[in-house]
């Protein structure tokens, strides 16, 4: 059953069994919420459901906009090379809980651990060196990269 909601009152409670394609409301399958009892979470998902359902949709939206703005202000964006140079993109963020499979979470966690350990070793080497240029890590960089790396760090003196 499809229903155009573009002209309806936009203030409505979150319904986990409805989704949108444009302004068209469609019923969706959901493994967190029971389709038989509207807005009733399965036992395994009750904490997640509480987080989602305790706020209006508009509150989630405004909270997400604030988070996106917060991250943009801290340069947590990305750039893509275009024909006219680089274009900076702001990554939209959401405060809505997005459940993932445990196996995927474990993979992400393991990959993150390797990255954090590598970053820690690099930072220990840089901060433990007499100066930035004498760091073993900096010395191991190719000359073109080394020059850019030193400029970037020197430009942000508070990082040294």
Foldseek 3Di string as FASTA:
>chain_A
DKDQCPPPDPWDFDWPQWDDDPRIIDGDDDQQPDPVDTLHGDPVNVVLSCVRRVDIPVVQVVVQVVVQVVCVVVVVWDWDQDPVGIDIGGDRGTPRDDDDDPVVVVVVVVVVVVVVVVVVVQVCQCVVDPHNCPRPVLVPDPPVVSVVVVVVCVVVVVVD
